[in-house]
Amino acid sequence: MKKKNGVKKVIKKGLVIGALATAGYMFLGPDGKKNQKKLKAFAEEAKKEFMKDAKVVNKKIKVIKKDVKKVVAKKLKELQ
């Protein structure tokens, strides 16, 4: 078996550790509470937008389902 170069793995691990450290500082550091509130507000706004878009998609899917059912029913009648 070939032994892969571990440099990429080490770099990836270093980046992950750096990102985790940064996130920890942002949420637990001196301005942690302020940043937590900002993130919470952002998450709530994103959820609202997602739910709004999901409702629109759901309505479109219902219309498509009806159309598909009509076409399938018509084809079944033709086959009988």
PDB file of N, CA and C in Angstrom:
ATOM      1  N   MET A   1       0.826  -1.184   0.000  1.00  0.00           N
ATOM      2  CA  MET A   1       0.000   0.000   0.000  1.00  0.00           C
ATOM      3  C   MET A   1       0.873   1.250   0.000  1.00  0.00           C
ATOM      4  N   LYS A   2       0.415   2.253  -0.743  1.00  0.00           N
ATOM      5  CA  LYS A   2       1.139   3.512  -0.755  1.00  0.00           C
ATOM      6  C   LYS A   2       0.845   4.286   0.513  1.00  0.00           C
ATOM      7  N   LYS A   3       1.854   4.901   1.020  1.00  0.00           N
ATOM      8  CA  LYS A   3       1.658   5.751   2.189  1.00  0.00           C
ATOM      9  C   LYS A   3       1.450   7.173   1.687  1.00  0.00           C
ATOM     10  N   LYS A   4       0.304   7.746   2.058  1.00  0.00           N
ATOM     11  CA  LYS A   4      -0.023   9.092   1.588  1.00  0.00           C
ATOM     12  C   LYS A   4       0.732  10.133   2.399  1.00  0.00           C
ATOM     13  N   ASN A   5       0.940  11.241   1.764  1.00  0.00           N
ATOM     14  CA  ASN A   5       1.610  12.356   2.405  1.00  0.00           C
ATOM     15  C   ASN A   5       0.687  12.937   3.478  1.00  0.00           C
ATOM     16  N   GLY A   6       1.150  13.017   4.703  1.00  0.00           N
ATOM     17  CA  GLY A   6       0.321  13.468   5.807  1.00  0.00           C
ATOM     18  C   GLY A   6       0.298  14.971   5.983  1.00  0.00           C
ATOM     19  N   VAL A   7       0.962  15.705   5.101  1.00  0.00           N
ATOM     20  CA  VAL A   7       1.032  17.156   5.243  1.00  0.00           C
ATOM     21  C   VAL A   7      -0.361  17.772   5.099  1.00  0.00           C
ATOM     22  N   LYS A   8      -1.141  17.282   4.140  1.00  0.00           N
ATOM     23  CA  LYS A   8      -2.481  17.824   3.931  1.00  0.00           C
ATOM     24  C   LYS A   8      -3.351  17.597   5.167  1.00  0.00           C
ATOM     25  N   LYS A   9      -3.237  16.421   5.753  1.00  0.00           N
ATOM     26  CA  LYS A   9      -4.020  16.116   6.946  1.00  0.00           C
ATOM     27  C   LYS A   9      -3.641  17.038   8.095  1.00  0.00           C
ATOM     28  N   VAL A  10      -2.368  17.268   8.246  1.00  0.00           N
ATOM     29  CA  VAL A  10      -1.889  18.133   9.324  1.00  0.00           C
ATOM     30  C   VAL A  10      -2.388  19.558   9.118  1.00  0.00           C
ATOM     31  N   ILE A  11      -2.356  20.028   7.872  1.00  0.00           N
ATOM     32  CA  ILE A  11      -2.830  21.382   7.573  1.00  0.00           C
ATOM     33  C   ILE A  11      -4.324  21.481   7.849  1.00  0.00           C
ATOM     34  N   LYS A  12      -5.089  20.473   7.426  1.00  0.00           N
ATOM     35  CA  LYS A  12      -6.532  20.480   7.666  1.00  0.00           C
ATOM     36  C   LYS A  12      -6.837  20.494   9.160  1.00  0.00           C
ATOM     37  N   LYS A  13      -6.132  19.676   9.916  1.00  0.00           N
ATOM     38  CA  LYS A  13      -6.351  19.638  11.364  1.00  0.00           C
ATOM     39  C   LYS A  13      -6.012  20.984  11.992  1.00  0.00           C
ATOM     40  N   GLY A  14      -4.953  21.596  11.531  1.00  0.00           N
ATOM     41  CA  GLY A  14      -4.566  22.906  12.041  1.00  0.00           C
ATOM     42  C   GLY A  14      -5.619  23.961  11.749  1.00  0.00           C
ATOM     43  N   LEU A  15      -6.179  23.923  10.540  1.00  0.00           N
ATOM     44  CA  LEU A  15      -7.233  24.877  10.188  1.00  0.00           C
ATOM     45  C   LEU A  15      -8.479  24.672  11.039  1.00  0.00           C
ATOM     46  N   VAL A  16      -8.844  23.413  11.280  1.00  0.00           N
ATOM     47  CA  VAL A  16     -10.020  23.123  12.106  1.00  0.00           C
ATOM     48  C   VAL A  16      -9.792  23.615  13.528  1.00  0.00           C
ATOM     49  N   ILE A  17      -8.622  23.332  14.067  1.00  0.00           N
ATOM     50  CA  ILE A  17      -8.317  23.780  15.431  1.00  0.00           C
ATOM     51  C   ILE A  17      -8.341  25.308  15.510  1.00  0.00           C
ATOM     52  N   GLY A  18      -7.797  25.957  14.501  1.00  0.00           N
ATOM     53  CA  GLY A  18      -7.818  27.421  14.465  1.00  0.00           C
ATOM     54  C   GLY A  18      -9.235  27.970  14.405  1.00  0.00           C
ATOM     55  N   ALA A  19     -10.076  27.342  13.585  1.00  0.00           N
ATOM     56  CA  ALA A  19     -11.471  27.788  13.464  1.00  0.00           C
ATOM     57  C   ALA A  19     -12.209  27.591  14.781  1.00  0.00           C
ATOM     58  N   LEU A  20     -11.985  26.462  15.426  1.00  0.00           N
ATOM     59  CA  LEU A  20     -12.636  26.205  16.713  1.00  0.00           C
ATOM     60  C   LEU A  20     -12.169  27.202  17.776  1.00  0.00           C
ATOM     61  N   ALA A  21     -10.891  27.493  17.772  1.00  0.00           N
ATOM     62  CA  ALA A  21     -10.363  28.456  18.744  1.00  0.00           C
ATOM     63  C   ALA A  21     -10.959  29.843  18.507  1.00  0.00           C
ATOM     64  N   THR A  22     -11.066  30.218  17.240  1.00  0.00           N
ATOM     65  CA  THR A  22     -11.648  31.516  16.903  1.00  0.00           C
ATOM     66  C   THR A  22     -13.105  31.580  17.326  1.00  0.00           C
ATOM     67  N   ALA A  23     -13.852  30.512  17.034  1.00  0.00           N
ATOM     68  CA  ALA A  23     -15.270  30.481  17.421  1.00  0.00           C
ATOM     69  C   ALA A  23     -15.413  30.533  18.937  1.00  0.00           C
ATOM     70  N   GLY A  24     -14.559  29.801  19.632  1.00  0.00           N
ATOM     71  CA  GLY A  24     -14.596  29.831  21.091  1.00  0.00           C
ATOM     72  C   GLY A  24     -14.331  31.213  21.634  1.00  0.00           C
ATOM     73  N   TYR A  25     -13.362  31.895  21.085  1.00  0.00           N
ATOM     74  CA  TYR A  25     -13.053  33.251  21.527  1.00  0.00           C
ATOM     75  C   TYR A  25     -14.212  34.201  21.224  1.00  0.00           C
ATOM     76  N   MET A  26     -14.806  34.041  20.030  1.00  0.00           N
ATOM     77  CA  MET A  26     -15.903  34.926  19.637  1.00  0.00           C
ATOM     78  C   MET A  26     -17.106  34.782  20.573  1.00  0.00           C
ATOM     79  N   PHE A  27     -17.384  33.559  21.010  1.00  0.00           N
ATOM     80  CA  PHE A  27     -18.592  33.338  21.814  1.00  0.00           C
ATOM     81  C   PHE A  27     -18.337  33.272  23.311  1.00  0.00           C
ATOM     82  N   LEU A  28     -17.106  33.102  23.703  1.00  0.00           N
ATOM     83  CA  LEU A  28     -16.798  33.011  25.128  1.00  0.00           C
ATOM     84  C   LEU A  28     -15.857  34.110  25.607  1.00  0.00           C
ATOM     85  N   GLY A  29     -15.355  34.903  24.662  1.00  0.00           N
ATOM     86  CA  GLY A  29     -14.397  35.955  25.000  1.00  0.00           C
ATOM     87  C   GLY A  29     -15.064  37.183  25.586  1.00  0.00           C
ATOM     88  N   PRO A  30     -14.349  38.311  25.556  1.00  0.00           N
ATOM     89  CA  PRO A  30     -14.826  39.549  26.172  1.00  0.00           C
ATOM     90  C   PRO A  30     -16.179  40.035  25.616  1.00  0.00           C
ATOM     91  N   ASP A  31     -16.407  39.888  24.317  1.00  0.00           N
ATOM     92  CA  ASP A  31     -17.667  40.326  23.712  1.00  0.00           C
ATOM     93  C   ASP A  31     -18.571  39.132  23.404  1.00  0.00           C
ATOM     94  N   GLY A  32     -18.409  38.073  24.150  1.00  0.00           N
ATOM     95  CA  GLY A  32     -19.124  36.821  23.873  1.00  0.00           C
ATOM     96  C   GLY A  32     -20.629  36.953  23.867  1.00  0.00           C
ATOM     97  N   LYS A  33     -21.178  37.592  24.872  1.00  0.00           N
ATOM     98  CA  LYS A  33     -22.639  37.729  24.971  1.00  0.00           C
ATOM     99  C   LYS A  33     -23.197  38.520  23.788  1.00  0.00           C
ATOM    100  N   LYS A  34     -22.500  39.574  23.416  1.00  0.00           N
ATOM    101  CA  LYS A  34     -22.936  40.395  22.290  1.00  0.00           C
ATOM    102  C   LYS A  34     -22.936  39.565  20.997  1.00  0.00           C
ATOM    103  N   ASN A  35     -21.871  38.793  20.802  1.00  0.00           N
ATOM    104  CA  ASN A  35     -21.772  37.956  19.602  1.00  0.00           C
ATOM    105  C   ASN A  35     -22.802  36.836  19.609  1.00  0.00           C
ATOM    106  N   GLN A  36     -23.104  36.288  20.789  1.00  0.00           N
ATOM    107  CA  GLN A  36     -24.124  35.250  20.890  1.00  0.00           C
ATOM    108  C   GLN A  36     -25.486  35.803  20.495  1.00  0.00           C
ATOM    109  N   LYS A  37     -25.780  37.016  20.925  1.00  0.00           N
ATOM    110  CA  LYS A  37     -27.057  37.641  20.578  1.00  0.00           C
ATOM    111  C   LYS A  37     -27.150  37.885  19.075  1.00  0.00           C
ATOM    112  N   LYS A  38     -26.040  38.348  18.482  1.00  0.00           N
ATOM    113  CA  LYS A  38     -26.023  38.579  17.038  1.00  0.00           C
ATOM    114  C   LYS A  38     -26.271  37.278  16.282  1.00  0.00           C
ATOM    115  N   LEU A  39     -25.610  36.213  16.710  1.00  0.00           N
ATOM    116  CA  LEU A  39     -25.770  34.924  16.046  1.00  0.00           C
ATOM    117  C   LEU A  39     -27.196  34.416  16.203  1.00  0.00           C
ATOM    118  N   LYS A  40     -27.764  34.584  17.371  1.00  0.00           N
ATOM    119  CA  LYS A  40     -29.136  34.134  17.612  1.00  0.00           C
ATOM    120  C   LYS A  40     -30.105  34.899  16.704  1.00  0.00           C
ATOM    121  N   ALA A  41     -29.925  36.199  16.599  1.00  0.00           N
ATOM    122  CA  ALA A  41     -30.784  37.012  15.740  1.00  0.00           C
ATOM    123  C   ALA A  41     -30.637  36.591  14.279  1.00  0.00           C
ATOM    124  N   PHE A  42     -29.398  36.343  13.864  1.00  0.00           N
ATOM    125  CA  PHE A  42     -29.156  35.898  12.489  1.00  0.00           C
ATOM    126  C   PHE A  42     -29.823  34.554  12.234  1.00  0.00           C
ATOM    127  N   ALA A  43     -29.703  33.622  13.172  1.00  0.00           N
ATOM    128  CA  ALA A  43     -30.282  32.291  13.015  1.00  0.00           C
ATOM    129  C   ALA A  43     -31.803  32.363  12.935  1.00  0.00           C
ATOM    130  N   GLU A  44     -32.405  33.203  13.747  1.00  0.00           N
ATOM    131  CA  GLU A  44     -33.864  33.352  13.718  1.00  0.00           C
ATOM    132  C   GLU A  44     -34.326  33.946  12.391  1.00  0.00           C
ATOM    133  N   GLU A  45     -33.607  34.935  11.895  1.00  0.00           N
ATOM    134  CA  GLU A  45     -33.961  35.546  10.611  1.00  0.00           C
ATOM    135  C   GLU A  45     -33.799  34.533   9.472  1.00  0.00           C
ATOM    136  N   ALA A  46     -32.722  33.758   9.504  1.00  0.00           N
ATOM    137  CA  ALA A  46     -32.501  32.743   8.478  1.00  0.00           C
ATOM    138  C   ALA A  46     -33.611  31.687   8.522  1.00  0.00           C
ATOM    139  N   LYS A  47     -34.033  31.316   9.715  1.00  0.00           N
ATOM    140  CA  LYS A  47     -35.104  30.333   9.862  1.00  0.00           C
ATOM    141  C   LYS A  47     -36.406  30.871   9.270  1.00  0.00           C
ATOM    142  N   LYS A  48     -36.714  32.136   9.542  1.00  0.00           N
ATOM    143  CA  LYS A  48     -37.926  32.746   8.994  1.00  0.00           C
ATOM    144  C   LYS A  48     -37.904  32.731   7.464  1.00  0.00           C
ATOM    145  N   GLU A  49     -36.770  33.122   6.899  1.00  0.00           N
ATOM    146  CA  GLU A  49     -36.642  33.140   5.440  1.00  0.00           C
ATOM    147  C   GLU A  49     -36.767  31.738   4.865  1.00  0.00           C
ATOM    148  N   PHE A  50     -36.150  30.764   5.518  1.00  0.00           N
ATOM    149  CA  PHE A  50     -36.213  29.388   5.046  1.00  0.00           C
ATOM    150  C   PHE A  50     -37.654  28.878   5.070  1.00  0.00           C
ATOM    151  N   MET A  51     -38.361  29.143   6.157  1.00  0.00           N
ATOM    152  CA  MET A  51     -39.734  28.669   6.282  1.00  0.00           C
ATOM    153  C   MET A  51     -40.629  29.330   5.230  1.00  0.00           C
ATOM    154  N   LYS A  52     -40.380  30.598   4.954  1.00  0.00           N
ATOM    155  CA  LYS A  52     -41.139  31.303   3.929  1.00  0.00           C
ATOM    156  C   LYS A  52     -40.902  30.653   2.561  1.00  0.00           C
ATOM    157  N   ASP A  53     -39.652  30.392   2.243  1.00  0.00           N
ATOM    158  CA  ASP A  53     -39.312  29.748   0.976  1.00  0.00           C
ATOM    159  C   ASP A  53     -39.856  28.321   0.917  1.00  0.00           C
ATOM    160  N   ALA A  54     -39.822  27.621   2.047  1.00  0.00           N
ATOM    161  CA  ALA A  54     -40.315  26.246   2.081  1.00  0.00           C
ATOM    162  C   ALA A  54     -41.818  26.208   1.800  1.00  0.00           C
ATOM    163  N   LYS A  55     -42.551  27.188   2.293  1.00  0.00           N
ATOM    164  CA  LYS A  55     -43.993  27.247   2.029  1.00  0.00           C
ATOM    165  C   LYS A  55     -44.262  27.441   0.539  1.00  0.00           C
ATOM    166  N   VAL A  56     -43.492  28.312  -0.094  1.00  0.00           N
ATOM    167  CA  VAL A  56     -43.659  28.556  -1.524  1.00  0.00           C
ATOM    168  C   VAL A  56     -43.366  27.279  -2.307  1.00  0.00           C
ATOM    169  N   VAL A  57     -42.282  26.612  -1.961  1.00  0.00           N
ATOM    170  CA  VAL A  57     -41.911  25.376  -2.648  1.00  0.00           C
ATOM    171  C   VAL A  57     -42.977  24.314  -2.436  1.00  0.00           C
ATOM    172  N   ASN A  58     -43.488  24.221  -1.221  1.00  0.00           N
ATOM    173  CA  ASN A  58     -44.517  23.231  -0.913  1.00  0.00           C
ATOM    174  C   ASN A  58     -45.766  23.457  -1.765  1.00  0.00           C
ATOM    175  N   LYS A  59     -46.166  24.710  -1.942  1.00  0.00           N
ATOM    176  CA  LYS A  59     -47.323  25.022  -2.777  1.00  0.00           C
ATOM    177  C   LYS A  59     -47.078  24.606  -4.221  1.00  0.00           C
ATOM    178  N   LYS A  60     -45.880  24.875  -4.720  1.00  0.00           N
ATOM    179  CA  LYS A  60     -45.551  24.496  -6.100  1.00  0.00           C
ATOM    180  C   LYS A  60     -45.547  22.987  -6.263  1.00  0.00           C
ATOM    181  N   ILE A  61     -45.047  22.274  -5.260  1.00  0.00           N
ATOM    182  CA  ILE A  61     -45.016  20.815  -5.319  1.00  0.00           C
ATOM    183  C   ILE A  61     -46.434  20.258  -5.359  1.00  0.00           C
ATOM    184  N   LYS A  62     -47.347  20.834  -4.593  1.00  0.00           N
ATOM    185  CA  LYS A  62     -48.739  20.373  -4.597  1.00  0.00           C
ATOM    186  C   LYS A  62     -49.357  20.531  -5.981  1.00  0.00           C
ATOM    187  N   VAL A  63     -49.099  21.648  -6.641  1.00  0.00           N
ATOM    188  CA  VAL A  63     -49.628  21.878  -7.985  1.00  0.00           C
ATOM    189  C   VAL A  63     -49.043  20.854  -8.956  1.00  0.00           C
ATOM    190  N   ILE A  64     -47.759  20.604  -8.866  1.00  0.00           N
ATOM    191  CA  ILE A  64     -47.106  19.636  -9.745  1.00  0.00           C
ATOM    192  C   ILE A  64     -47.667  18.235  -9.499  1.00  0.00           C
ATOM    193  N   LYS A  65     -47.884  17.877  -8.239  1.00  0.00           N
ATOM    194  CA  LYS A  65     -48.459  16.574  -7.909  1.00  0.00           C
ATOM    195  C   LYS A  65     -49.818  16.386  -8.567  1.00  0.00           C
ATOM    196  N   LYS A  66     -50.652  17.424  -8.490  1.00  0.00           N
ATOM    197  CA  LYS A  66     -51.972  17.351  -9.110  1.00  0.00           C
ATOM    198  C   LYS A  66     -51.842  17.103 -10.609  1.00  0.00           C
ATOM    199  N   ASP A  67     -50.949  17.845 -11.249  1.00  0.00           N
ATOM    200  CA  ASP A  67     -50.752  17.695 -12.688  1.00  0.00           C
ATOM    201  C   ASP A  67     -50.268  16.291 -13.029  1.00  0.00           C
ATOM    202  N   VAL A  68     -49.340  15.777 -12.257  1.00  0.00           N
ATOM    203  CA  VAL A  68     -48.799  14.440 -12.495  1.00  0.00           C
ATOM    204  C   VAL A  68     -49.898  13.393 -12.317  1.00  0.00           C
ATOM    205  N   LYS A  69     -50.706  13.534 -11.288  1.00  0.00           N
ATOM    206  CA  LYS A  69     -51.800  12.590 -11.049  1.00  0.00           C
ATOM    207  C   LYS A  69     -52.775  12.587 -12.220  1.00  0.00           C
ATOM    208  N   LYS A  70     -53.075  13.777 -12.747  1.00  0.00           N
ATOM    209  CA  LYS A  70     -53.984  13.867 -13.894  1.00  0.00           C
ATOM    210  C   LYS A  70     -53.406  13.154 -15.106  1.00  0.00           C
ATOM    211  N   VAL A  71     -52.141  13.387 -15.377  1.00  0.00           N
ATOM    212  CA  VAL A  71     -51.499  12.773 -16.540  1.00  0.00           C
ATOM    213  C   VAL A  71     -51.444  11.252 -16.377  1.00  0.00           C
ATOM    214  N   VAL A  72     -51.091  10.784 -15.192  1.00  0.00           N
ATOM    215  CA  VAL A  72     -51.011   9.344 -14.947  1.00  0.00           C
ATOM    216  C   VAL A  72     -52.386   8.706 -15.073  1.00  0.00           C
ATOM    217  N   ALA A  73     -53.400   9.351 -14.513  1.00  0.00           N
ATOM    218  CA  ALA A  73     -54.760   8.818 -14.605  1.00  0.00           C
ATOM    219  C   ALA A  73     -55.210   8.744 -16.066  1.00  0.00           C
ATOM    220  N   LYS A  74     -54.887   9.777 -16.830  1.00  0.00           N
ATOM    221  CA  LYS A  74     -55.255   9.794 -18.253  1.00  0.00           C
ATOM    222  C   LYS A  74     -54.567   8.658 -19.004  1.00  0.00           C
ATOM    223  N   LYS A  75     -53.276   8.460 -18.732  1.00  0.00           N
ATOM    224  CA  LYS A  75     -52.527   7.385 -19.408  1.00  0.00           C
ATOM    225  C   LYS A  75     -53.058   6.002 -19.008  1.00  0.00           C
ATOM    226  N   LEU A  76     -53.430   5.843 -17.754  1.00  0.00           N
ATOM    227  CA  LEU A  76     -53.990   4.569 -17.303  1.00  0.00           C
ATOM    228  C   LEU A  76     -55.317   4.280 -17.985  1.00  0.00           C
ATOM    229  N   LYS A  77     -56.135   5.311 -18.151  1.00  0.00           N
ATOM    230  CA  LYS A  77     -57.410   5.126 -18.844  1.00  0.00           C
ATOM    231  C   LYS A  77     -57.176   4.725 -20.294  1.00  0.00           C
ATOM    232  N   GLU A  78     -56.157   5.314 -20.924  1.00  0.00           N
ATOM    233  CA  GLU A  78     -55.844   4.979 -22.317  1.00  0.00           C
ATOM    234  C   GLU A  78     -55.380   3.541 -22.440  1.00  0.00           C
ATOM    235  N   LEU A  79     -54.659   3.053 -21.437  1.00  0.00           N
ATOM    236  CA  LEU A  79     -54.154   1.680 -21.479  1.00  0.00           C
ATOM    237  C   LEU A  79     -55.263   0.646 -21.264  1.00  0.00           C
ATOM    238  N   GLN A  80     -56.321   1.021 -20.593  1.00  0.00           N
ATOM    239  CA  GLN A  80     -57.387   0.047 -20.299  1.00  0.00           C
ATOM    240  C   GLN A  80     -58.364  -0.068 -21.403  1.00  0.00           C
TER     241      GLN A  80
END
